[in-house]
PDB file of N, CA and C in Angstrom:
ATOM      1  N   MET A   1      -1.606 -13.353 103.226  1.00  0.00           N
ATOM      2  CA  MET A   1      -0.509 -13.459 103.405  1.00  0.00           C
ATOM      3  C   MET A   1      -0.450 -14.489 102.378  1.00  0.00           C
ATOM      4  N   ALA A   2       1.344 -14.558 101.502  1.00  0.00           N
ATOM      5  CA  ALA A   2       1.237 -15.431 100.812  1.00  0.00           C
ATOM      6  C   ALA A   2       1.805 -16.523 101.023  1.00  0.00           C
ATOM      7  N   ARG A   3       1.020 -18.197 100.742  1.00  0.00           N
ATOM      8  CA  ARG A   3       1.645 -19.262 101.493  1.00  0.00           C
ATOM      9  C   ARG A   3       1.668 -19.985  99.869  1.00  0.00           C
ATOM     10  N   LEU A   4       2.738 -20.924 100.441  1.00  0.00           N
ATOM     11  CA  LEU A   4       1.975 -22.256  99.581  1.00  0.00           C
ATOM     12  C   LEU A   4       1.328 -23.045  99.713  1.00  0.00           C
ATOM     13  N   ALA A   5       1.142 -24.337  98.269  1.00  0.00           N
ATOM     14  CA  ALA A   5       0.204 -24.889  98.536  1.00  0.00           C
ATOM     15  C   ALA A   5       0.051 -25.341  99.433  1.00  0.00           C
ATOM     16  N   ALA A   6       1.031 -25.957 100.508  1.00  0.00           N
ATOM     17  CA  ALA A   6       1.288 -26.988 101.305  1.00  0.00           C
ATOM     18  C   ALA A   6       0.594 -26.010 102.918  1.00  0.00           C
ATOM     19  N   GLY A   7       0.550 -24.943 102.761  1.00  0.00           N
ATOM     20  CA  GLY A   7      -0.255 -23.914 103.680  1.00  0.00           C
ATOM     21  C   GLY A   7       1.180 -23.547 104.515  1.00  0.00           C
ATOM     22  N   ARG A   8       2.224 -23.588 103.962  1.00  0.00           N
ATOM     23  CA  ARG A   8       3.847 -22.908 104.440  1.00  0.00           C
ATOM     24  C   ARG A   8       3.677 -21.460 104.123  1.00  0.00           C
ATOM     25  N   LYS A   9       4.518 -20.168 104.939  1.00  0.00           N
ATOM     26  CA  LYS A   9       4.628 -19.463 104.230  1.00  0.00           C
ATOM     27  C   LYS A   9       5.812 -19.145 103.446  1.00  0.00           C
ATOM     28  N   ARG A  10       5.570 -18.278 102.685  1.00  0.00           N
ATOM     29  CA  ARG A  10       6.335 -18.103 101.376  1.00  0.00           C
ATOM     30  C   ARG A  10       8.216 -17.906 102.478  1.00  0.00           C
ATOM     31  N   LEU A  11       9.163 -18.266 101.265  1.00  0.00           N
ATOM     32  CA  LEU A  11      10.217 -18.301 101.816  1.00  0.00           C
ATOM     33  C   LEU A  11      11.093 -17.764 100.397  1.00  0.00           C
ATOM     34  N   LEU A  12      11.420 -16.706 101.336  1.00  0.00           N
ATOM     35  CA  LEU A  12      12.060 -15.902  99.407  1.00  0.00           C
ATOM     36  C   LEU A  12      13.680 -15.803 100.077  1.00  0.00           C
ATOM     37  N   VAL A  13      14.378 -15.686  98.435  1.00  0.00           N
ATOM     38  CA  VAL A  13      15.851 -16.220  98.976  1.00  0.00           C
ATOM     39  C   VAL A  13      16.256 -15.060  99.077  1.00  0.00           C
ATOM     40  N   LEU A  14      17.289 -14.473  99.802  1.00  0.00           N
ATOM     41  CA  LEU A  14      17.935 -12.715  99.705  1.00  0.00           C
ATOM     42  C   LEU A  14      18.908 -12.943  98.477  1.00  0.00           C
ATOM     43  N   HIS A  15      20.108 -13.976  98.578  1.00  0.00           N
ATOM     44  CA  HIS A  15      21.245 -14.117  97.495  1.00  0.00           C
ATOM     45  C   HIS A  15      21.295 -15.209  97.263  1.00  0.00           C
ATOM     46  N   VAL A  16      22.100 -15.706  96.401  1.00  0.00           N
ATOM     47  CA  VAL A  16      22.326 -16.858  95.761  1.00  0.00           C
ATOM     48  C   VAL A  16      23.592 -17.309  96.150  1.00  0.00           C
ATOM     49  N   ARG A  17      24.863 -16.628  96.258  1.00  0.00           N
ATOM     50  CA  ARG A  17      25.669 -16.845  96.670  1.00  0.00           C
ATOM     51  C   ARG A  17      26.045 -17.155  98.143  1.00  0.00           C
ATOM     52  N   ARG A  18      26.653 -18.597  97.914  1.00  0.00           N
ATOM     53  CA  ARG A  18      26.984 -19.248  98.976  1.00  0.00           C
ATOM     54  C   ARG A  18      28.397 -19.219  99.671  1.00  0.00           C
ATOM     55  N   SER A  19      29.383 -19.701 100.804  1.00  0.00           N
ATOM     56  CA  SER A  19      30.361 -19.654 101.160  1.00  0.00           C
ATOM     57  C   SER A  19      31.054 -21.050 101.952  1.00  0.00           C
ATOM     58  N   PRO A  20      31.651 -22.105 101.747  1.00  0.00           N
ATOM     59  CA  PRO A  20      31.827 -23.153 102.635  1.00  0.00           C
ATOM     60  C   PRO A  20      32.190 -22.493 103.318  1.00  0.00           C
ATOM     61  N   GLY A  21      30.854 -22.997 104.631  1.00  0.00           N
ATOM     62  CA  GLY A  21      30.810 -22.791 105.989  1.00  0.00           C
ATOM     63  C   GLY A  21      30.073 -21.991 106.323  1.00  0.00           C
ATOM     64  N   ASP A  22      28.719 -21.532 105.109  1.00  0.00           N
ATOM     65  CA  ASP A  22      27.757 -21.129 105.316  1.00  0.00           C
ATOM     66  C   ASP A  22      26.452 -21.996 106.031  1.00  0.00           C
ATOM     67  N   LYS A  23      25.689 -20.591 106.622  1.00  0.00           N
ATOM     68  CA  LYS A  23      24.572 -21.949 107.275  1.00  0.00           C
ATOM     69  C   LYS A  23      23.513 -21.332 105.988  1.00  0.00           C
ATOM     70  N   GLU A  24      22.523 -22.157 106.763  1.00  0.00           N
ATOM     71  CA  GLU A  24      21.067 -21.738 106.304  1.00  0.00           C
ATOM     72  C   GLU A  24      20.427 -21.064 107.336  1.00  0.00           C
ATOM     73  N   TRP A  25      20.016 -19.628 107.192  1.00  0.00           N
ATOM     74  CA  TRP A  25      19.385 -18.319 108.472  1.00  0.00           C
ATOM     75  C   TRP A  25      17.859 -18.466 107.883  1.00  0.00           C
ATOM     76  N   ILE A  26      16.969 -18.650 108.110  1.00  0.00           N
ATOM     77  CA  ILE A  26      15.563 -17.881 108.316  1.00  0.00           C
ATOM     78  C   ILE A  26      15.470 -16.675 108.909  1.00  0.00           C
ATOM     79  N   VAL A  27      15.933 -15.624 108.407  1.00  0.00           N
ATOM     80  CA  VAL A  27      15.061 -14.286 108.643  1.00  0.00           C
ATOM     81  C   VAL A  27      13.946 -13.980 108.789  1.00  0.00           C
ATOM     82  N   THR A  28      13.455 -13.326 109.416  1.00  0.00           N
ATOM     83  CA  THR A  28      12.209 -12.742 109.554  1.00  0.00           C
ATOM     84  C   THR A  28      12.131 -11.279 109.837  1.00  0.00           C
ATOM     85  N   ILE A  29      11.570 -10.326 108.689  1.00  0.00           N
ATOM     86  CA  ILE A  29      12.024  -8.985 108.478  1.00  0.00           C
ATOM     87  C   ILE A  29      10.454  -8.191 108.426  1.00  0.00           C
ATOM     88  N   VAL A  30       9.990  -7.209 109.495  1.00  0.00           N
ATOM     89  CA  VAL A  30       8.634  -6.804 109.505  1.00  0.00           C
ATOM     90  C   VAL A  30       8.533  -5.473 109.240  1.00  0.00           C
ATOM     91  N   ASN A  31       8.238  -4.706 108.161  1.00  0.00           N
ATOM     92  CA  ASN A  31       8.077  -3.283 108.144  1.00  0.00           C
ATOM     93  C   ASN A  31       6.170  -2.580 107.981  1.00  0.00           C
ATOM     94  N   PRO A  32       5.972  -2.207 109.348  1.00  0.00           N
ATOM     95  CA  PRO A  32       4.822  -2.036 109.964  1.00  0.00           C
ATOM     96  C   PRO A  32       4.199  -0.471 108.755  1.00  0.00           C
ATOM     97  N   LEU A  33       5.375   0.513 108.236  1.00  0.00           N
ATOM     98  CA  LEU A  33       5.134   1.807 107.682  1.00  0.00           C
ATOM     99  C   LEU A  33       4.848   1.598 106.627  1.00  0.00           C
ATOM    100  N   ILE A  34       5.302   0.463 105.461  1.00  0.00           N
ATOM    101  CA  ILE A  34       4.605   0.413 104.474  1.00  0.00           C
ATOM    102  C   ILE A  34       3.361   0.505 104.311  1.00  0.00           C
ATOM    103  N   ILE A  35       1.875  -0.708 105.108  1.00  0.00           N
ATOM    104  CA  ILE A  35       0.575  -0.923 104.983  1.00  0.00           C
ATOM    105  C   ILE A  35       0.003   0.966 105.745  1.00  0.00           C
ATOM    106  N   LYS A  36       0.666   1.813 106.661  1.00  0.00           N
ATOM    107  CA  LYS A  36       0.496   2.618 107.025  1.00  0.00           C
ATOM    108  C   LYS A  36       0.973   3.633 105.883  1.00  0.00           C
ATOM    109  N   GLN A  37       2.086   4.026 105.321  1.00  0.00           N
ATOM    110  CA  GLN A  37       1.317   4.781 104.381  1.00  0.00           C
ATOM    111  C   GLN A  37       1.055   4.463 102.981  1.00  0.00           C
ATOM    112  N   ASP A  38       0.988   3.492 102.941  1.00  0.00           N
ATOM    113  CA  ASP A  38       0.396   3.127 101.561  1.00  0.00           C
ATOM    114  C   ASP A  38      -0.778   1.927 102.408  1.00  0.00           C
ATOM    115  N   PRO A  39      -2.323   2.635 102.923  1.00  0.00           N
ATOM    116  CA  PRO A  39      -3.202   1.534 102.882  1.00  0.00           C
ATOM    117  C   PRO A  39      -3.039  -0.133 101.537  1.00  0.00           C
ATOM    118  N   ALA A  40      -2.884   0.975 100.162  1.00  0.00           N
ATOM    119  CA  ALA A  40      -3.471  -0.199  99.222  1.00  0.00           C
ATOM    120  C   ALA A  40      -2.588  -1.113  98.313  1.00  0.00           C
ATOM    121  N   ASN A  41      -1.402  -1.025  99.039  1.00  0.00           N
ATOM    122  CA  ASN A  41       0.090  -1.642  98.957  1.00  0.00           C
ATOM    123  C   ASN A  41      -0.242  -3.264  99.013  1.00  0.00           C
ATOM    124  N   PRO A  42      -0.557  -3.894  97.567  1.00  0.00           N
ATOM    125  CA  PRO A  42      -0.549  -5.149  98.013  1.00  0.00           C
ATOM    126  C   PRO A  42      -0.008  -6.102  99.382  1.00  0.00           C
ATOM    127  N   LEU A  43       1.056  -5.699  98.634  1.00  0.00           N
ATOM    128  CA  LEU A  43       1.987  -6.556  99.813  1.00  0.00           C
ATOM    129  C   LEU A  43       2.095  -5.722 101.374  1.00  0.00           C
ATOM    130  N   GLY A  44       1.313  -4.620 101.666  1.00  0.00           N
ATOM    131  CA  GLY A  44       1.584  -3.663 102.870  1.00  0.00           C
ATOM    132  C   GLY A  44       1.258  -4.659 104.624  1.00  0.00           C
ATOM    133  N   LEU A  45       0.033  -6.415 104.503  1.00  0.00           N
ATOM    134  CA  LEU A  45      -0.066  -6.609 105.043  1.00  0.00           C
ATOM    135  C   LEU A  45       1.044  -7.715 105.778  1.00  0.00           C
ATOM    136  N   GLU A  46       1.720  -8.299 104.543  1.00  0.00           N
ATOM    137  CA  GLU A  46       2.397  -9.462 104.013  1.00  0.00           C
ATOM    138  C   GLU A  46       3.799  -8.951 105.312  1.00  0.00           C
ATOM    139  N   TRP A  47       3.980  -7.378 104.714  1.00  0.00           N
ATOM    140  CA  TRP A  47       4.900  -7.160 105.171  1.00  0.00           C
ATOM    141  C   TRP A  47       4.669  -6.620 106.850  1.00  0.00           C
ATOM    142  N   ALA A  48       3.658  -6.594 107.258  1.00  0.00           N
ATOM    143  CA  ALA A  48       3.491  -6.208 108.348  1.00  0.00           C
ATOM    144  C   ALA A  48       3.433  -7.133 109.436  1.00  0.00           C
ATOM    145  N   SER A  49       3.165  -8.344 108.790  1.00  0.00           N
ATOM    146  CA  SER A  49       3.282  -9.961 109.710  1.00  0.00           C
ATOM    147  C   SER A  49       5.376 -10.047 109.610  1.00  0.00           C
ATOM    148  N   GLY A  50       5.479 -10.033 109.058  1.00  0.00           N
ATOM    149  CA  GLY A  50       7.296 -10.534 108.790  1.00  0.00           C
ATOM    150  C   GLY A  50       6.809 -10.770 106.714  1.00  0.00           C
ATOM    151  N   ARG A  51       7.958 -10.638 106.716  1.00  0.00           N
ATOM    152  CA  ARG A  51       8.519 -11.471 105.405  1.00  0.00           C
ATOM    153  C   ARG A  51       9.714 -12.583 105.390  1.00  0.00           C
ATOM    154  N   ASP A  52       9.605 -13.812 105.811  1.00  0.00           N
ATOM    155  CA  ASP A  52      10.996 -14.679 105.473  1.00  0.00           C
ATOM    156  C   ASP A  52      11.803 -14.494 104.001  1.00  0.00           C
ATOM    157  N   TYR A  53      13.062 -14.756 104.569  1.00  0.00           N
ATOM    158  CA  TYR A  53      14.255 -14.685 103.666  1.00  0.00           C
ATOM    159  C   TYR A  53      15.145 -15.757 103.993  1.00  0.00           C
ATOM    160  N   LEU A  54      15.731 -16.438 103.389  1.00  0.00           N
ATOM    161  CA  LEU A  54      16.308 -17.149 103.170  1.00  0.00           C
ATOM    162  C   LEU A  54      17.976 -16.811 103.039  1.00  0.00           C
ATOM    163  N   VAL A  55      18.837 -16.845 104.094  1.00  0.00           N
ATOM    164  CA  VAL A  55      20.178 -15.805 103.807  1.00  0.00           C
ATOM    165  C   VAL A  55      20.938 -17.044 104.236  1.00  0.00           C
ATOM    166  N   PHE A  56      21.988 -17.154 103.404  1.00  0.00           N
ATOM    167  CA  PHE A  56      23.409 -17.813 103.824  1.00  0.00           C
ATOM    168  C   PHE A  56      24.801 -16.542 104.740  1.00  0.00           C
ATOM    169  N   ALA A  57      24.828 -17.374 105.566  1.00  0.00           N
ATOM    170  CA  ALA A  57      26.069 -16.953 106.768  1.00  0.00           C
ATOM    171  C   ALA A  57      26.060 -17.968 107.663  1.00  0.00           C
ATOM    172  N   ARG A  58      27.791 -17.063 108.243  1.00  0.00           N
ATOM    173  CA  ARG A  58      28.358 -18.254 108.711  1.00  0.00           C
ATOM    174  C   ARG A  58      27.645 -18.288 110.429  1.00  0.00           C
ATOM    175  N   THR A  59      27.378 -16.801 110.966  1.00  0.00           N
ATOM    176  CA  THR A  59      26.672 -16.892 111.889  1.00  0.00           C
ATOM    177  C   THR A  59      25.246 -16.359 111.777  1.00  0.00           C
ATOM    178  N   GLU A  60      24.730 -16.224 113.028  1.00  0.00           N
ATOM    179  CA  GLU A  60      23.570 -15.439 112.988  1.00  0.00           C
ATOM    180  C   GLU A  60      23.302 -13.745 112.958  1.00  0.00           C
ATOM    181  N   GLN A  61      24.731 -13.322 113.455  1.00  0.00           N
ATOM    182  CA  GLN A  61      24.395 -11.962 113.621  1.00  0.00           C
ATOM    183  C   GLN A  61      25.115 -11.308 111.870  1.00  0.00           C
ATOM    184  N   GLU A  62      25.852 -12.355 110.824  1.00  0.00           N
ATOM    185  CA  GLU A  62      26.443 -11.898 109.935  1.00  0.00           C
ATOM    186  C   GLU A  62      24.676 -12.219 109.323  1.00  0.00           C
ATOM    187  N   ALA A  63      24.226 -13.068 109.256  1.00  0.00           N
ATOM    188  CA  ALA A  63      22.883 -13.128 108.440  1.00  0.00           C
ATOM    189  C   ALA A  63      21.918 -12.029 109.043  1.00  0.00           C
ATOM    190  N   ARG A  64      21.795 -11.700 109.751  1.00  0.00           N
ATOM    191  CA  ARG A  64      21.030 -10.456 110.504  1.00  0.00           C
ATOM    192  C   ARG A  64      21.749  -9.368 109.386  1.00  0.00           C
ATOM    193  N   ASP A  65      23.413  -8.971 109.371  1.00  0.00           N
ATOM    194  CA  ASP A  65      24.224  -7.862 108.991  1.00  0.00           C
ATOM    195  C   ASP A  65      23.864  -7.933 107.526  1.00  0.00           C
ATOM    196  N   ARG A  66      23.352  -9.259 106.670  1.00  0.00           N
ATOM    197  CA  ARG A  66      22.968  -9.158 105.373  1.00  0.00           C
ATOM    198  C   ARG A  66      22.191  -8.198 104.782  1.00  0.00           C
ATOM    199  N   VAL A  67      21.296  -8.729 106.073  1.00  0.00           N
ATOM    200  CA  VAL A  67      19.673  -8.488 105.400  1.00  0.00           C
ATOM    201  C   VAL A  67      19.299  -6.692 106.284  1.00  0.00           C
ATOM    202  N   MET A  68      20.216  -6.420 106.905  1.00  0.00           N
ATOM    203  CA  MET A  68      20.066  -4.521 106.879  1.00  0.00           C
ATOM    204  C   MET A  68      20.159  -4.119 106.130  1.00  0.00           C
ATOM    205  N   ARG A  69      21.831  -4.430 105.690  1.00  0.00           N
ATOM    206  CA  ARG A  69      22.281  -4.290 104.218  1.00  0.00           C
ATOM    207  C   ARG A  69      21.436  -3.909 103.367  1.00  0.00           C
ATOM    208  N   ARG A  70      20.785  -4.990 102.622  1.00  0.00           N
ATOM    209  CA  ARG A  70      19.793  -5.220 102.083  1.00  0.00           C
ATOM    210  C   ARG A  70      18.158  -4.375 101.740  1.00  0.00           C
ATOM    211  N   PHE A  71      18.097  -4.098 103.127  1.00  0.00           N
ATOM    212  CA  PHE A  71      16.871  -3.190 103.698  1.00  0.00           C
ATOM    213  C   PHE A  71      16.758  -1.656 104.348  1.00  0.00           C
ATOM    214  N   SER A  72      18.640  -1.280 104.272  1.00  0.00           N
ATOM    215  CA  SER A  72      18.096  -0.243 105.403  1.00  0.00           C
ATOM    216  C   SER A  72      17.989   1.292 104.936  1.00  0.00           C
ATOM    217  N   THR A  73      17.942   1.271 103.301  1.00  0.00           N
ATOM    218  CA  THR A  73      17.422   2.057 102.322  1.00  0.00           C
ATOM    219  C   THR A  73      15.827   2.498 102.833  1.00  0.00           C
ATOM    220  N   LYS A  74      14.746   1.287 103.403  1.00  0.00           N
ATOM    221  CA  LYS A  74      14.198   1.540 103.845  1.00  0.00           C
ATOM    222  C   LYS A  74      13.418   1.947 105.145  1.00  0.00           C
ATOM    223  N   PRO A  75      12.556   2.919 104.952  1.00  0.00           N
ATOM    224  CA  PRO A  75      12.241   3.173 106.631  1.00  0.00           C
ATOM    225  C   PRO A  75      11.015   2.364 107.613  1.00  0.00           C
ATOM    226  N   GLY A  76      11.787   1.715 108.593  1.00  0.00           N
ATOM    227  CA  GLY A  76      10.609   1.255 109.154  1.00  0.00           C
ATOM    228  C   GLY A  76      11.144  -0.363 109.130  1.00  0.00           C
ATOM    229  N   ALA A  77      12.303  -1.205 108.770  1.00  0.00           N
ATOM    230  CA  ALA A  77      12.666  -2.417 108.425  1.00  0.00           C
ATOM    231  C   ALA A  77      13.070  -2.383 109.910  1.00  0.00           C
ATOM    232  N   ILE A  78      12.750  -3.385 110.348  1.00  0.00           N
ATOM    233  CA  ILE A  78      13.211  -4.275 111.417  1.00  0.00           C
ATOM    234  C   ILE A  78      13.437  -5.693 111.323  1.00  0.00           C
ATOM    235  N   ILE A  79      14.272  -6.232 111.820  1.00  0.00           N
ATOM    236  CA  ILE A  79      14.260  -7.727 111.706  1.00  0.00           C
ATOM    237  C   ILE A  79      13.569  -8.203 113.270  1.00  0.00           C
ATOM    238  N   LYS A  80      12.786  -8.970 112.926  1.00  0.00           N
ATOM    239  CA  LYS A  80      11.638  -9.841 114.071  1.00  0.00           C
ATOM    240  C   LYS A  80      12.378 -10.537 114.947  1.00  0.00           C
ATOM    241  N   SER A  81      13.384 -11.886 113.439  1.00  0.00           N
ATOM    242  CA  SER A  81      14.052 -12.639 113.971  1.00  0.00           C
ATOM    243  C   SER A  81      14.996 -13.563 113.140  1.00  0.00           C
ATOM    244  N   ALA A  82      16.029 -14.548 113.927  1.00  0.00           N
ATOM    245  CA  ALA A  82      16.255 -14.957 112.699  1.00  0.00           C
ATOM    246  C   ALA A  82      17.211 -16.726 113.054  1.00  0.00           C
ATOM    247  N   VAL A  83      16.988 -17.109 112.811  1.00  0.00           N
ATOM    248  CA  VAL A  83      16.454 -18.508 113.173  1.00  0.00           C
ATOM    249  C   VAL A  83      17.066 -19.455 112.265  1.00  0.00           C
ATOM    250  N   PRO A  84      18.258 -20.573 112.625  1.00  0.00           N
ATOM    251  CA  PRO A  84      18.931 -21.249 111.542  1.00  0.00           C
ATOM    252  C   PRO A  84      17.852 -22.154 111.456  1.00  0.00           C
ATOM    253  N   ALA A  85      18.192 -22.368 109.771  1.00  0.00           N
ATOM    254  CA  ALA A  85      17.284 -23.405 109.024  1.00  0.00           C
ATOM    255  C   ALA A  85      16.943 -24.981 110.156  1.00  0.00           C
ATOM    256  N   THR A  86      15.623 -25.138 110.347  1.00  0.00           N
ATOM    257  CA  THR A  86      15.918 -26.892 111.152  1.00  0.00           C
ATOM    258  C   THR A  86      15.349 -28.248 110.610  1.00  0.00           C
ATOM    259  N   HIS A  87      15.029 -27.701 108.597  1.00  0.00           N
ATOM    260  CA  HIS A  87      14.999 -28.821 107.357  1.00  0.00           C
ATOM    261  C   HIS A  87      15.792 -28.581 106.577  1.00  0.00           C
ATOM    262  N   ASP A  88      15.510 -29.306 105.478  1.00  0.00           N
ATOM    263  CA  ASP A  88      15.837 -29.748 104.375  1.00  0.00           C
ATOM    264  C   ASP A  88      15.054 -28.617 103.742  1.00  0.00           C
ATOM    265  N   LEU A  89      15.145 -27.330 103.467  1.00  0.00           N
ATOM    266  CA  LEU A  89      14.288 -26.238 102.498  1.00  0.00           C
ATOM    267  C   LEU A  89      14.340 -26.978 101.191  1.00  0.00           C
ATOM    268  N   PHE A  90      15.459 -27.618 100.429  1.00  0.00           N
ATOM    269  CA  PHE A  90      15.555 -27.590  99.005  1.00  0.00           C
ATOM    270  C   PHE A  90      14.179 -28.883  98.261  1.00  0.00           C
ATOM    271  N   HIS A  91      14.349 -30.280 100.092  1.00  0.00           N
ATOM    272  CA  HIS A  91      13.578 -31.104  99.317  1.00  0.00           C
ATOM    273  C   HIS A  91      12.610 -31.262 100.686  1.00  0.00           C
ATOM    274  N   ALA A  92      12.089 -30.697 100.419  1.00  0.00           N
ATOM    275  CA  ALA A  92      10.563 -30.177 102.251  1.00  0.00           C
ATOM    276  C   ALA A  92       9.375 -30.790 100.917  1.00  0.00           C
TER     277      ALA A  92
END
């Protein structure tokens, strides 16, 4: 799995557009079909265990909706969790 130098899991940014009142959400999405359909895919294990995306949204449901709009055409894509960011992501 992709890791940062400090051993943290990689955080991908879903989009950079942010509205006033938006909060930072960490949405983890899994897709176990990728590795099943293509065992040689270099990202297969990462998708099977979950990829974390930074999402700007007012509510958890809005964050989940944004992720599903992005991945709705990918068979097997499932949201594993959606939680508010609990620390400063930009100065960690």
